Amino acid sequence: MNTKDVAQQWTQMCREGKNLDCINELYAENVTSREMPGMPDEIVSGKQNVWNKNKEWLDNVAEWHGGEISEPTVTNNHFTSKMTFDVTFKDRGRQQMEEVAVFEVKDGKITNEQFFYSME
């Protein structure tokens, strides 16, 4: 798959709530995931560790109130997407989040992801 194919597949799977399947199918074994500086799990490396990080985040969701994932913007071997979430977490209550995610693709797999966000 080229970057555009990966971006479209990522978007579709995430919109369908198949986030963990997305990691299994689209992420490289040596993927690196970066959160905002100072956040928990600021840098996580390895597909299984990224999967575990996402599983932990999803398991902490008590209720989804809404959200959107934009169409991806693709350039060369990168793509980006804007996401919004309105979520109640088990450990910190309801939060509204706005996030931009940037991904790097090599050999048809996501090798890097980085998230920039604000929370209310």
PDB file of N, CA and C in Angstrom:
ATOM      1  N   MET A   1       0.834  -1.187   0.000  1.00  0.00           N
ATOM      2  CA  MET A   1       0.000   0.000   0.000  1.00  0.00           C
ATOM      3  C   MET A   1       0.877   1.249   0.000  1.00  0.00           C
ATOM      4  N   ASN A   2       0.421   2.272  -0.689  1.00  0.00           N
ATOM      5  CA  ASN A   2       1.117   3.547  -0.636  1.00  0.00           C
ATOM      6  C   ASN A   2       0.563   4.368   0.535  1.00  0.00           C
ATOM      7  N   THR A   3       1.124   5.543   0.762  1.00  0.00           N
ATOM      8  CA  THR A   3       0.734   6.366   1.910  1.00  0.00           C
ATOM      9  C   THR A   3      -0.743   6.727   1.861  1.00  0.00           C
ATOM     10  N   LYS A   4      -1.252   7.066   0.679  1.00  0.00           N
ATOM     11  CA  LYS A   4      -2.666   7.414   0.563  1.00  0.00           C
ATOM     12  C   LYS A   4      -3.560   6.233   0.943  1.00  0.00           C
ATOM     13  N   ASP A   5      -3.205   5.038   0.501  1.00  0.00           N
ATOM     14  CA  ASP A   5      -3.969   3.842   0.855  1.00  0.00           C
ATOM     15  C   ASP A   5      -3.966   3.603   2.366  1.00  0.00           C
ATOM     16  N   VAL A   6      -2.780   3.727   2.972  1.00  0.00           N
ATOM     17  CA  VAL A   6      -2.661   3.542   4.420  1.00  0.00           C
ATOM     18  C   VAL A   6      -3.509   4.579   5.149  1.00  0.00           C
ATOM     19  N   ALA A   7      -3.432   5.833   4.711  1.00  0.00           N
ATOM     20  CA  ALA A   7      -4.186   6.910   5.350  1.00  0.00           C
ATOM     21  C   ALA A   7      -5.687   6.662   5.274  1.00  0.00           C
ATOM     22  N   GLN A   8      -6.165   6.245   4.122  1.00  0.00           N
ATOM     23  CA  GLN A   8      -7.594   5.985   3.967  1.00  0.00           C
ATOM     24  C   GLN A   8      -8.043   4.794   4.804  1.00  0.00           C
ATOM     25  N   GLN A   9      -7.216   3.753   4.842  1.00  0.00           N
ATOM     26  CA  GLN A   9      -7.548   2.576   5.646  1.00  0.00           C
ATOM     27  C   GLN A   9      -7.540   2.928   7.136  1.00  0.00           C
ATOM     28  N   TRP A  10      -6.547   3.697   7.577  1.00  0.00           N
ATOM     29  CA  TRP A  10      -6.461   4.134   8.977  1.00  0.00           C
ATOM     30  C   TRP A  10      -7.721   4.912   9.347  1.00  0.00           C
ATOM     31  N   THR A  11      -8.103   5.861   8.504  1.00  0.00           N
ATOM     32  CA  THR A  11      -9.272   6.691   8.772  1.00  0.00           C
ATOM     33  C   THR A  11     -10.528   5.833   8.895  1.00  0.00           C
ATOM     34  N   GLN A  12     -10.738   4.953   7.948  1.00  0.00           N
ATOM     35  CA  GLN A  12     -11.935   4.109   7.959  1.00  0.00           C
ATOM     36  C   GLN A  12     -11.980   3.219   9.194  1.00  0.00           C
ATOM     37  N   MET A  13     -10.883   2.578   9.509  1.00  0.00           N
ATOM     38  CA  MET A  13     -10.862   1.677  10.665  1.00  0.00           C
ATOM     39  C   MET A  13     -11.103   2.426  11.965  1.00  0.00           C
ATOM     40  N   CYS A  14     -10.483   3.590  12.107  1.00  0.00           N
ATOM     41  CA  CYS A  14     -10.670   4.374  13.340  1.00  0.00           C
ATOM     42  C   CYS A  14     -12.100   4.887  13.448  1.00  0.00           C
ATOM     43  N   ARG A  15     -12.682   5.298  12.343  1.00  0.00           N
ATOM     44  CA  ARG A  15     -14.086   5.742  12.365  1.00  0.00           C
ATOM     45  C   ARG A  15     -15.019   4.607  12.764  1.00  0.00           C
ATOM     46  N   GLU A  16     -14.649   3.388  12.436  1.00  0.00           N
ATOM     47  CA  GLU A  16     -15.461   2.213  12.786  1.00  0.00           C
ATOM     48  C   GLU A  16     -15.154   1.693  14.190  1.00  0.00           C
ATOM     49  N   GLY A  17     -14.240   2.357  14.906  1.00  0.00           N
ATOM     50  CA  GLY A  17     -13.882   1.919  16.253  1.00  0.00           C
ATOM     51  C   GLY A  17     -12.961   0.717  16.280  1.00  0.00           C
ATOM     52  N   LYS A  18     -12.280   0.456  15.167  1.00  0.00           N
ATOM     53  CA  LYS A  18     -11.372  -0.694  15.067  1.00  0.00           C
ATOM     54  C   LYS A  18      -9.916  -0.252  15.290  1.00  0.00           C
ATOM     55  N   ASN A  19      -9.699   0.547  16.315  1.00  0.00           N
ATOM     56  CA  ASN A  19      -8.386   1.123  16.566  1.00  0.00           C
ATOM     57  C   ASN A  19      -7.310   0.069  16.797  1.00  0.00           C
ATOM     58  N   LEU A  20      -7.623  -0.949  17.563  1.00  0.00           N
ATOM     59  CA  LEU A  20      -6.622  -1.975  17.856  1.00  0.00           C
ATOM     60  C   LEU A  20      -6.348  -2.845  16.633  1.00  0.00           C
ATOM     61  N   ASP A  21      -7.378  -3.147  15.862  1.00  0.00           N
ATOM     62  CA  ASP A  21      -7.186  -3.876  14.606  1.00  0.00           C
ATOM     63  C   ASP A  21      -6.324  -3.049  13.652  1.00  0.00           C
ATOM     64  N   CYS A  22      -6.532  -1.748  13.675  1.00  0.00           N
ATOM     65  CA  CYS A  22      -5.759  -0.839  12.833  1.00  0.00           C
ATOM     66  C   CYS A  22      -4.268  -0.960  13.147  1.00  0.00           C
ATOM     67  N   ILE A  23      -3.933  -0.995  14.417  1.00  0.00           N
ATOM     68  CA  ILE A  23      -2.528  -1.145  14.811  1.00  0.00           C
ATOM     69  C   ILE A  23      -1.999  -2.487  14.317  1.00  0.00           C
ATOM     70  N   ASN A  24      -2.768  -3.542  14.520  1.00  0.00           N
ATOM     71  CA  ASN A  24      -2.338  -4.873  14.071  1.00  0.00           C
ATOM     72  C   ASN A  24      -2.058  -4.909  12.578  1.00  0.00           C
ATOM     73  N   GLU A  25      -2.891  -4.261  11.788  1.00  0.00           N
ATOM     74  CA  GLU A  25      -2.798  -4.353  10.335  1.00  0.00           C
ATOM     75  C   GLU A  25      -1.874  -3.326   9.691  1.00  0.00           C
ATOM     76  N   LEU A  26      -1.847  -2.102  10.226  1.00  0.00           N
ATOM     77  CA  LEU A  26      -1.198  -0.999   9.515  1.00  0.00           C
ATOM     78  C   LEU A  26       0.114  -0.507  10.122  1.00  0.00           C
ATOM     79  N   TYR A  27       0.454  -0.953  11.304  1.00  0.00           N
ATOM     80  CA  TYR A  27       1.644  -0.432  11.984  1.00  0.00           C
ATOM     81  C   TYR A  27       2.843  -1.363  11.808  1.00  0.00           C
ATOM     82  N   ALA A  28       4.003  -0.762  11.673  1.00  0.00           N
ATOM     83  CA  ALA A  28       5.262  -1.504  11.586  1.00  0.00           C
ATOM     84  C   ALA A  28       5.636  -2.044  12.972  1.00  0.00           C
ATOM     85  N   GLU A  29       6.393  -3.108  12.991  1.00  0.00           N
ATOM     86  CA  GLU A  29       6.840  -3.689  14.266  1.00  0.00           C
ATOM     87  C   GLU A  29       7.643  -2.696  15.098  1.00  0.00           C
ATOM     88  N   ASN A  30       8.396  -1.812  14.439  1.00  0.00           N
ATOM     89  CA  ASN A  30       9.269  -0.873  15.149  1.00  0.00           C
ATOM     90  C   ASN A  30       8.661   0.529  15.250  1.00  0.00           C
ATOM     91  N   VAL A  31       7.328   0.638  15.203  1.00  0.00           N
ATOM     92  CA  VAL A  31       6.653   1.931  15.254  1.00  0.00           C
ATOM     93  C   VAL A  31       6.997   2.696  16.536  1.00  0.00           C
ATOM     94  N   THR A  32       7.036   4.022  16.423  1.00  0.00           N
ATOM     95  CA  THR A  32       7.204   4.904  17.577  1.00  0.00           C
ATOM     96  C   THR A  32       5.987   5.811  17.663  1.00  0.00           C
ATOM     97  N   SER A  33       5.447   5.938  18.869  1.00  0.00           N
ATOM     98  CA  SER A  33       4.287   6.784  19.124  1.00  0.00           C
ATOM     99  C   SER A  33       4.694   7.868  20.103  1.00  0.00           C
ATOM    100  N   ARG A  34       4.377   9.135  19.757  1.00  0.00           N
ATOM    101  CA  ARG A  34       4.758  10.271  20.599  1.00  0.00           C
ATOM    102  C   ARG A  34       3.528  11.065  21.018  1.00  0.00           C
ATOM    103  N   GLU A  35       3.412  11.270  22.314  1.00  0.00           N
ATOM    104  CA  GLU A  35       2.379  12.135  22.875  1.00  0.00           C
ATOM    105  C   GLU A  35       2.991  13.516  23.121  1.00  0.00           C
ATOM    106  N   MET A  36       2.181  14.428  23.606  1.00  0.00           N
ATOM    107  CA  MET A  36       2.669  15.769  23.934  1.00  0.00           C
ATOM    108  C   MET A  36       3.727  15.668  25.040  1.00  0.00           C
ATOM    109  N   PRO A  37       4.729  16.564  25.023  1.00  0.00           N
ATOM    110  CA  PRO A  37       5.764  16.546  26.064  1.00  0.00           C
ATOM    111  C   PRO A  37       5.158  16.604  27.461  1.00  0.00           C
ATOM    112  N   GLY A  38       5.658  15.749  28.334  1.00  0.00           N
ATOM    113  CA  GLY A  38       5.218  15.704  29.717  1.00  0.00           C
ATOM    114  C   GLY A  38       3.996  14.838  29.976  1.00  0.00           C
ATOM    115  N   MET A  39       3.384  14.304  28.919  1.00  0.00           N
ATOM    116  CA  MET A  39       2.206  13.458  29.097  1.00  0.00           C
ATOM    117  C   MET A  39       2.644  12.018  29.400  1.00  0.00           C
ATOM    118  N   PRO A  40       1.767  11.241  30.056  1.00  0.00           N
ATOM    119  CA  PRO A  40       2.106   9.831  30.276  1.00  0.00           C
ATOM    120  C   PRO A  40       2.361   9.127  28.935  1.00  0.00           C
ATOM    121  N   ASP A  41       3.259   8.180  28.959  1.00  0.00           N
ATOM    122  CA  ASP A  41       3.621   7.446  27.740  1.00  0.00           C
ATOM    123  C   ASP A  41       4.039   8.393  26.630  1.00  0.00           C
ATOM    124  N   GLU A  42       4.860   9.379  26.987  1.00  0.00           N
ATOM    125  CA  GLU A  42       5.276  10.408  26.033  1.00  0.00           C
ATOM    126  C   GLU A  42       5.898   9.810  24.776  1.00  0.00           C
ATOM    127  N   ILE A  43       6.747   8.807  24.942  1.00  0.00           N
ATOM    128  CA  ILE A  43       7.335   8.109  23.793  1.00  0.00           C
ATOM    129  C   ILE A  43       7.226   6.609  24.050  1.00  0.00           C
ATOM    130  N   VAL A  44       6.567   5.925  23.129  1.00  0.00           N
ATOM    131  CA  VAL A  44       6.399   4.477  23.230  1.00  0.00           C
ATOM    132  C   VAL A  44       6.885   3.881  21.916  1.00  0.00           C
ATOM    133  N   SER A  45       7.707   2.845  22.015  1.00  0.00           N
ATOM    134  CA  SER A  45       8.244   2.190  20.820  1.00  0.00           C
ATOM    135  C   SER A  45       7.839   0.723  20.790  1.00  0.00           C
ATOM    136  N   GLY A  46       7.627   0.224  19.574  1.00  0.00           N
ATOM    137  CA  GLY A  46       7.269  -1.180  19.381  1.00  0.00           C
ATOM    138  C   GLY A  46       5.770  -1.345  19.222  1.00  0.00           C
ATOM    139  N   LYS A  47       5.392  -2.138  18.258  1.00  0.00           N
ATOM    140  CA  LYS A  47       3.981  -2.335  17.930  1.00  0.00           C
ATOM    141  C   LYS A  47       3.157  -2.815  19.119  1.00  0.00           C
ATOM    142  N   GLN A  48       3.646  -3.811  19.842  1.00  0.00           N
ATOM    143  CA  GLN A  48       2.879  -4.336  20.981  1.00  0.00           C
ATOM    144  C   GLN A  48       2.717  -3.280  22.066  1.00  0.00           C
ATOM    145  N   ASN A  49       3.750  -2.492  22.321  1.00  0.00           N
ATOM    146  CA  ASN A  49       3.660  -1.438  23.333  1.00  0.00           C
ATOM    147  C   ASN A  49       2.681  -0.343  22.919  1.00  0.00           C
ATOM    148  N   VAL A  50       2.656  -0.002  21.641  1.00  0.00           N
ATOM    149  CA  VAL A  50       1.702   0.993  21.142  1.00  0.00           C
ATOM    150  C   VAL A  50       0.286   0.421  21.242  1.00  0.00           C
ATOM    151  N   TRP A  51       0.109  -0.840  20.896  1.00  0.00           N
ATOM    152  CA  TRP A  51      -1.187  -1.499  21.033  1.00  0.00           C
ATOM    153  C   TRP A  51      -1.648  -1.456  22.495  1.00  0.00           C
ATOM    154  N   ASN A  52      -0.735  -1.799  23.423  1.00  0.00           N
ATOM    155  CA  ASN A  52      -1.065  -1.795  24.856  1.00  0.00           C
ATOM    156  C   ASN A  52      -1.463  -0.398  25.321  1.00  0.00           C
ATOM    157  N   LYS A  53      -0.742   0.628  24.867  1.00  0.00           N
ATOM    158  CA  LYS A  53      -1.057   2.014  25.238  1.00  0.00           C
ATOM    159  C   LYS A  53      -2.468   2.373  24.779  1.00  0.00           C
ATOM    160  N   ASN A  54      -2.804   2.015  23.558  1.00  0.00           N
ATOM    161  CA  ASN A  54      -4.131   2.309  23.030  1.00  0.00           C
ATOM    162  C   ASN A  54      -5.221   1.523  23.757  1.00  0.00           C
ATOM    163  N   LYS A  55      -4.950   0.274  24.054  1.00  0.00           N
ATOM    164  CA  LYS A  55      -5.911  -0.558  24.789  1.00  0.00           C
ATOM    165  C   LYS A  55      -6.194   0.043  26.159  1.00  0.00           C
ATOM    166  N   GLU A  56      -5.157   0.492  26.835  1.00  0.00           N
ATOM    167  CA  GLU A  56      -5.321   1.117  28.150  1.00  0.00           C
ATOM    168  C   GLU A  56      -6.185   2.374  28.041  1.00  0.00           C
ATOM    169  N   TRP A  57      -5.930   3.205  27.017  1.00  0.00           N
ATOM    170  CA  TRP A  57      -6.708   4.429  26.815  1.00  0.00           C
ATOM    171  C   TRP A  57      -8.172   4.073  26.562  1.00  0.00           C
ATOM    172  N   LEU A  58      -8.418   3.113  25.665  1.00  0.00           N
ATOM    173  CA  LEU A  58      -9.784   2.720  25.343  1.00  0.00           C
ATOM    174  C   LEU A  58     -10.500   2.093  26.535  1.00  0.00           C
ATOM    175  N   ASP A  59      -9.784   1.303  27.322  1.00  0.00           N
ATOM    176  CA  ASP A  59     -10.384   0.675  28.501  1.00  0.00           C
ATOM    177  C   ASP A  59     -10.772   1.696  29.561  1.00  0.00           C
ATOM    178  N   ASN A  60     -10.168   2.884  29.528  1.00  0.00           N
ATOM    179  CA  ASN A  60     -10.463   3.939  30.488  1.00  0.00           C
ATOM    180  C   ASN A  60     -11.678   4.770  30.079  1.00  0.00           C
ATOM    181  N   VAL A  61     -12.219   4.523  28.898  1.00  0.00           N
ATOM    182  CA  VAL A  61     -13.391   5.263  28.435  1.00  0.00           C
ATOM    183  C   VAL A  61     -14.651   4.651  29.044  1.00  0.00           C
ATOM    184  N   ALA A  62     -15.398   5.484  29.779  1.00  0.00           N
ATOM    185  CA  ALA A  62     -16.673   5.040  30.347  1.00  0.00           C
ATOM    186  C   ALA A  62     -17.809   5.271  29.361  1.00  0.00           C
ATOM    187  N   GLU A  63     -17.734   6.380  28.595  1.00  0.00           N
ATOM    188  CA  GLU A  63     -18.806   6.692  27.648  1.00  0.00           C
ATOM    189  C   GLU A  63     -18.294   7.622  26.550  1.00  0.00           C
ATOM    190  N   TRP A  64     -18.677   7.314  25.306  1.00  0.00           N
ATOM    191  CA  TRP A  64     -18.411   8.182  24.151  1.00  0.00           C
ATOM    192  C   TRP A  64     -19.636   9.056  23.945  1.00  0.00           C
ATOM    193  N   HIS A  65     -19.425  10.361  23.871  1.00  0.00           N
ATOM    194  CA  HIS A  65     -20.534  11.281  23.629  1.00  0.00           C
ATOM    195  C   HIS A  65     -20.522  11.792  22.188  1.00  0.00           C
ATOM    196  N   GLY A  66     -19.391  11.677  21.526  1.00  0.00           N
ATOM    197  CA  GLY A  66     -19.302  12.137  20.148  1.00  0.00           C
ATOM    198  C   GLY A  66     -17.865  12.340  19.731  1.00  0.00           C
ATOM    199  N   GLY A  67     -17.700  12.628  18.457  1.00  0.00           N
ATOM    200  CA  GLY A  67     -16.366  12.890  17.930  1.00  0.00           C
ATOM    201  C   GLY A  67     -16.338  12.732  16.427  1.00  0.00           C
ATOM    202  N   GLU A  68     -15.262  13.210  15.844  1.00  0.00           N
ATOM    203  CA  GLU A  68     -15.089  13.129  14.395  1.00  0.00           C
ATOM    204  C   GLU A  68     -13.627  12.899  14.064  1.00  0.00           C
ATOM    205  N   ILE A  69     -13.418  12.276  12.929  1.00  0.00           N
ATOM    206  CA  ILE A  69     -12.080  12.110  12.365  1.00  0.00           C
ATOM    207  C   ILE A  69     -12.142  12.670  10.953  1.00  0.00           C
ATOM    208  N   SER A  70     -11.294  13.656  10.662  1.00  0.00           N
ATOM    209  CA  SER A  70     -11.310  14.300   9.353  1.00  0.00           C
ATOM    210  C   SER A  70     -10.756  13.375   8.277  1.00  0.00           C
ATOM    211  N   GLU A  71     -11.006  13.752   7.044  1.00  0.00           N
ATOM    212  CA  GLU A  71     -10.344  13.076   5.934  1.00  0.00           C
ATOM    213  C   GLU A  71      -8.843  13.341   6.059  1.00  0.00           C
ATOM    214  N   PRO A  72      -8.011  12.376   5.754  1.00  0.00           N
ATOM    215  CA  PRO A  72      -6.564  12.589   5.894  1.00  0.00           C
ATOM    216  C   PRO A  72      -6.025  13.511   4.804  1.00  0.00           C
ATOM    217  N   THR A  73      -4.996  14.250   5.171  1.00  0.00           N
ATOM    218  CA  THR A  73      -4.217  15.030   4.217  1.00  0.00           C
ATOM    219  C   THR A  73      -2.911  14.285   4.024  1.00  0.00           C
ATOM    220  N   VAL A  74      -2.579  13.981   2.771  1.00  0.00           N
ATOM    221  CA  VAL A  74      -1.428  13.140   2.457  1.00  0.00           C
ATOM    222  C   VAL A  74      -0.395  13.943   1.675  1.00  0.00           C
ATOM    223  N   THR A  75       0.862  13.809   2.061  1.00  0.00           N
ATOM    224  CA  THR A  75       1.973  14.377   1.299  1.00  0.00           C
ATOM    225  C   THR A  75       3.163  13.440   1.411  1.00  0.00           C
ATOM    226  N   ASN A  76       3.658  13.002   0.270  1.00  0.00           N
ATOM    227  CA  ASN A  76       4.780  12.057   0.222  1.00  0.00           C
ATOM    228  C   ASN A  76       4.524  10.889   1.149  1.00  0.00           C
ATOM    229  N   ASN A  77       5.381  10.700   2.156  1.00  0.00           N
ATOM    230  CA  ASN A  77       5.207   9.540   3.047  1.00  0.00           C
ATOM    231  C   ASN A  77       4.629   9.929   4.414  1.00  0.00           C
ATOM    232  N   HIS A  78       3.899  11.041   4.464  1.00  0.00           N
ATOM    233  CA  HIS A  78       3.238  11.466   5.699  1.00  0.00           C
ATOM    234  C   HIS A  78       1.755  11.718   5.439  1.00  0.00           C
ATOM    235  N   PHE A  79       0.959  11.551   6.496  1.00  0.00           N
ATOM    236  CA  PHE A  79      -0.432  12.006   6.449  1.00  0.00           C
ATOM    237  C   PHE A  79      -0.821  12.532   7.817  1.00  0.00           C
ATOM    238  N   THR A  80      -1.833  13.363   7.811  1.00  0.00           N
ATOM    239  CA  THR A  80      -2.316  13.955   9.050  1.00  0.00           C
ATOM    240  C   THR A  80      -3.834  13.908   9.070  1.00  0.00           C
ATOM    241  N   SER A  81      -4.375  13.941  10.268  1.00  0.00           N
ATOM    242  CA  SER A  81      -5.815  13.953  10.438  1.00  0.00           C
ATOM    243  C   SER A  81      -6.146  14.731  11.700  1.00  0.00           C
ATOM    244  N   LYS A  82      -7.256  15.453  11.651  1.00  0.00           N
ATOM    245  CA  LYS A  82      -7.747  16.156  12.841  1.00  0.00           C
ATOM    246  C   LYS A  82      -8.844  15.303  13.458  1.00  0.00           C
ATOM    247  N   MET A  83      -8.795  15.200  14.780  1.00  0.00           N
ATOM    248  CA  MET A  83      -9.794  14.415  15.494  1.00  0.00           C
ATOM    249  C   MET A  83     -10.373  15.234  16.629  1.00  0.00           C
ATOM    250  N   THR A  84     -11.643  15.032  16.898  1.00  0.00           N
ATOM    251  CA  THR A  84     -12.275  15.602  18.077  1.00  0.00           C
ATOM    252  C   THR A  84     -12.960  14.469  18.826  1.00  0.00           C
ATOM    253  N   PHE A  85     -12.933  14.563  20.141  1.00  0.00           N
ATOM    254  CA  PHE A  85     -13.567  13.559  20.986  1.00  0.00           C
ATOM    255  C   PHE A  85     -14.298  14.245  22.128  1.00  0.00           C
ATOM    256  N   ASP A  86     -15.435  13.721  22.482  1.00  0.00           N
ATOM    257  CA  ASP A  86     -16.162  14.111  23.685  1.00  0.00           C
ATOM    258  C   ASP A  86     -16.369  12.807  24.441  1.00  0.00           C
ATOM    259  N   VAL A  87     -15.584  12.622  25.492  1.00  0.00           N
ATOM    260  CA  VAL A  87     -15.471  11.319  26.146  1.00  0.00           C
ATOM    261  C   VAL A  87     -15.531  11.482  27.664  1.00  0.00           C
ATOM    262  N   THR A  88     -16.205  10.561  28.337  1.00  0.00           N
ATOM    263  CA  THR A  88     -16.119  10.475  29.788  1.00  0.00           C
ATOM    264  C   THR A  88     -15.177   9.334  30.132  1.00  0.00           C
ATOM    265  N   PHE A  89     -14.103   9.684  30.856  1.00  0.00           N
ATOM    266  CA  PHE A  89     -13.120   8.696  31.291  1.00  0.00           C
ATOM    267  C   PHE A  89     -13.460   8.209  32.690  1.00  0.00           C
ATOM    268  N   LYS A  90     -13.124   6.977  32.969  1.00  0.00           N
ATOM    269  CA  LYS A  90     -13.376   6.395  34.276  1.00  0.00           C
ATOM    270  C   LYS A  90     -12.598   7.114  35.369  1.00  0.00           C
ATOM    271  N   ASP A  91     -11.375   7.557  35.043  1.00  0.00           N
ATOM    272  CA  ASP A  91     -10.508   8.114  36.084  1.00  0.00           C
ATOM    273  C   ASP A  91     -10.437   9.640  36.119  1.00  0.00           C
ATOM    274  N   ARG A  92     -11.037  10.327  35.146  1.00  0.00           N
ATOM    275  CA  ARG A  92     -10.921  11.790  35.171  1.00  0.00           C
ATOM    276  C   ARG A  92     -12.149  12.526  34.647  1.00  0.00           C
ATOM    277  N   GLY A  93     -13.252  11.830  34.481  1.00  0.00           N
ATOM    278  CA  GLY A  93     -14.484  12.496  34.091  1.00  0.00           C
ATOM    279  C   GLY A  93     -14.538  12.830  32.606  1.00  0.00           C
ATOM    280  N   ARG A  94     -15.455  13.716  32.290  1.00  0.00           N
ATOM    281  CA  ARG A  94     -15.728  14.067  30.899  1.00  0.00           C
ATOM    282  C   ARG A  94     -14.728  15.100  30.387  1.00  0.00           C
ATOM    283  N   GLN A  95     -14.241  14.850  29.175  1.00  0.00           N
ATOM    284  CA  GLN A  95     -13.305  15.770  28.526  1.00  0.00           C
ATOM    285  C   GLN A  95     -13.669  15.900  27.059  1.00  0.00           C
ATOM    286  N   GLN A  96     -13.492  17.106  26.572  1.00  0.00           N
ATOM    287  CA  GLN A  96     -13.602  17.356  25.147  1.00  0.00           C
ATOM    288  C   GLN A  96     -12.199  17.600  24.636  1.00  0.00           C
ATOM    289  N   MET A  97     -11.821  16.881  23.597  1.00  0.00           N
ATOM    290  CA  MET A  97     -10.448  16.923  23.095  1.00  0.00           C
ATOM    291  C   MET A  97     -10.452  17.305  21.621  1.00  0.00           C
ATOM    292  N   GLU A  98      -9.455  18.087  21.258  1.00  0.00           N
ATOM    293  CA  GLU A  98      -9.204  18.401  19.854  1.00  0.00           C
ATOM    294  C   GLU A  98      -7.760  18.009  19.595  1.00  0.00           C
ATOM    295  N   GLU A  99      -7.538  17.262  18.530  1.00  0.00           N
ATOM    296  CA  GLU A  99      -6.233  16.633  18.331  1.00  0.00           C
ATOM    297  C   GLU A  99      -5.857  16.625  16.852  1.00  0.00           C
ATOM    298  N   VAL A 100      -4.579  16.814  16.603  1.00  0.00           N
ATOM    299  CA  VAL A 100      -4.017  16.627  15.274  1.00  0.00           C
ATOM    300  C   VAL A 100      -3.012  15.494  15.383  1.00  0.00           C
ATOM    301  N   ALA A 101      -3.126  14.530  14.484  1.00  0.00           N
ATOM    302  CA  ALA A 101      -2.205  13.395  14.465  1.00  0.00           C
ATOM    303  C   ALA A 101      -1.419  13.426  13.160  1.00  0.00           C
ATOM    304  N   VAL A 102      -0.116  13.175  13.268  1.00  0.00           N
ATOM    305  CA  VAL A 102       0.768  13.135  12.103  1.00  0.00           C
ATOM    306  C   VAL A 102       1.413  11.751  12.053  1.00  0.00           C
ATOM    307  N   PHE A 103       1.365  11.141  10.882  1.00  0.00           N
ATOM    308  CA  PHE A 103       1.863   9.783  10.706  1.00  0.00           C
ATOM    309  C   PHE A 103       2.912   9.747   9.601  1.00  0.00           C
ATOM    310  N   GLU A 104       3.894   8.872   9.775  1.00  0.00           N
ATOM    311  CA  GLU A 104       4.892   8.609   8.743  1.00  0.00           C
ATOM    312  C   GLU A 104       4.732   7.162   8.294  1.00  0.00           C
ATOM    313  N   VAL A 105       4.780   6.955   6.978  1.00  0.00           N
ATOM    314  CA  VAL A 105       4.585   5.626   6.397  1.00  0.00           C
ATOM    315  C   VAL A 105       5.832   5.235   5.615  1.00  0.00           C
ATOM    316  N   LYS A 106       6.320   4.022   5.868  1.00  0.00           N
ATOM    317  CA  LYS A 106       7.431   3.445   5.101  1.00  0.00           C
ATOM    318  C   LYS A 106       7.061   2.015   4.753  1.00  0.00           C
ATOM    319  N   ASP A 107       7.287   1.652   3.504  1.00  0.00           N
ATOM    320  CA  ASP A 107       7.013   0.286   3.045  1.00  0.00           C
ATOM    321  C   ASP A 107       5.594  -0.163   3.378  1.00  0.00           C
ATOM    322  N   GLY A 108       4.641   0.763   3.261  1.00  0.00           N
ATOM    323  CA  GLY A 108       3.241   0.425   3.451  1.00  0.00           C
ATOM    324  C   GLY A 108       2.787   0.260   4.887  1.00  0.00           C
ATOM    325  N   LYS A 109       3.623   0.669   5.850  1.00  0.00           N
ATOM    326  CA  LYS A 109       3.279   0.558   7.272  1.00  0.00           C
ATOM    327  C   LYS A 109       3.547   1.881   7.984  1.00  0.00           C
ATOM    328  N   ILE A 110       2.761   2.169   9.010  1.00  0.00           N
ATOM    329  CA  ILE A 110       2.980   3.354   9.838  1.00  0.00           C
ATOM    330  C   ILE A 110       4.181   3.090  10.738  1.00  0.00           C
ATOM    331  N   THR A 111       5.187   3.963  10.636  1.00  0.00           N
ATOM    332  CA  THR A 111       6.412   3.799  11.425  1.00  0.00           C
ATOM    333  C   THR A 111       6.530   4.825  12.546  1.00  0.00           C
ATOM    334  N   ASN A 112       5.828   5.946  12.410  1.00  0.00           N
ATOM    335  CA  ASN A 112       5.837   6.988  13.442  1.00  0.00           C
ATOM    336  C   ASN A 112       4.469   7.631  13.502  1.00  0.00           C
ATOM    337  N   GLU A 113       4.051   7.954  14.716  1.00  0.00           N
ATOM    338  CA  GLU A 113       2.842   8.740  14.910  1.00  0.00           C
ATOM    339  C   GLU A 113       3.128   9.750  16.013  1.00  0.00           C
ATOM    340  N   GLN A 114       2.549  10.943  15.856  1.00  0.00           N
ATOM    341  CA  GLN A 114       2.728  11.985  16.865  1.00  0.00           C
ATOM    342  C   GLN A 114       1.423  12.734  17.018  1.00  0.00           C
ATOM    343  N   PHE A 115       1.072  13.038  18.267  1.00  0.00           N
ATOM    344  CA  PHE A 115      -0.208  13.660  18.576  1.00  0.00           C
ATOM    345  C   PHE A 115       0.000  15.019  19.224  1.00  0.00           C
ATOM    346  N   PHE A 116      -0.800  15.988  18.774  1.00  0.00           N
ATOM    347  CA  PHE A 116      -0.811  17.339  19.330  1.00  0.00           C
ATOM    348  C   PHE A 116      -2.273  17.628  19.688  1.00  0.00           C
ATOM    349  N   TYR A 117      -2.527  18.022  20.945  1.00  0.00           N
ATOM    350  CA  TYR A 117      -3.917  18.148  21.354  1.00  0.00           C
ATOM    351  C   TYR A 117      -4.113  19.165  22.461  1.00  0.00           C
ATOM    352  N   SER A 118      -5.383  19.507  22.627  1.00  0.00           N
ATOM    353  CA  SER A 118      -5.821  20.319  23.758  1.00  0.00           C
ATOM    354  C   SER A 118      -7.028  19.616  24.362  1.00  0.00           C
ATOM    355  N   MET A 119      -7.192  19.773  25.665  1.00  0.00           N
ATOM    356  CA  MET A 119      -8.302  19.134  26.376  1.00  0.00           C
ATOM    357  C   MET A 119      -9.008  20.162  27.235  1.00  0.00           C
ATOM    358  N   GLU A 120     -10.309  20.015  27.314  1.00  0.00           N
ATOM    359  CA  GLU A 120     -11.100  20.896  28.195  1.00  0.00           C
ATOM    360  C   GLU A 120     -11.767  20.070  29.253  1.00  0.00           C
TER     361      GLU A 120
END
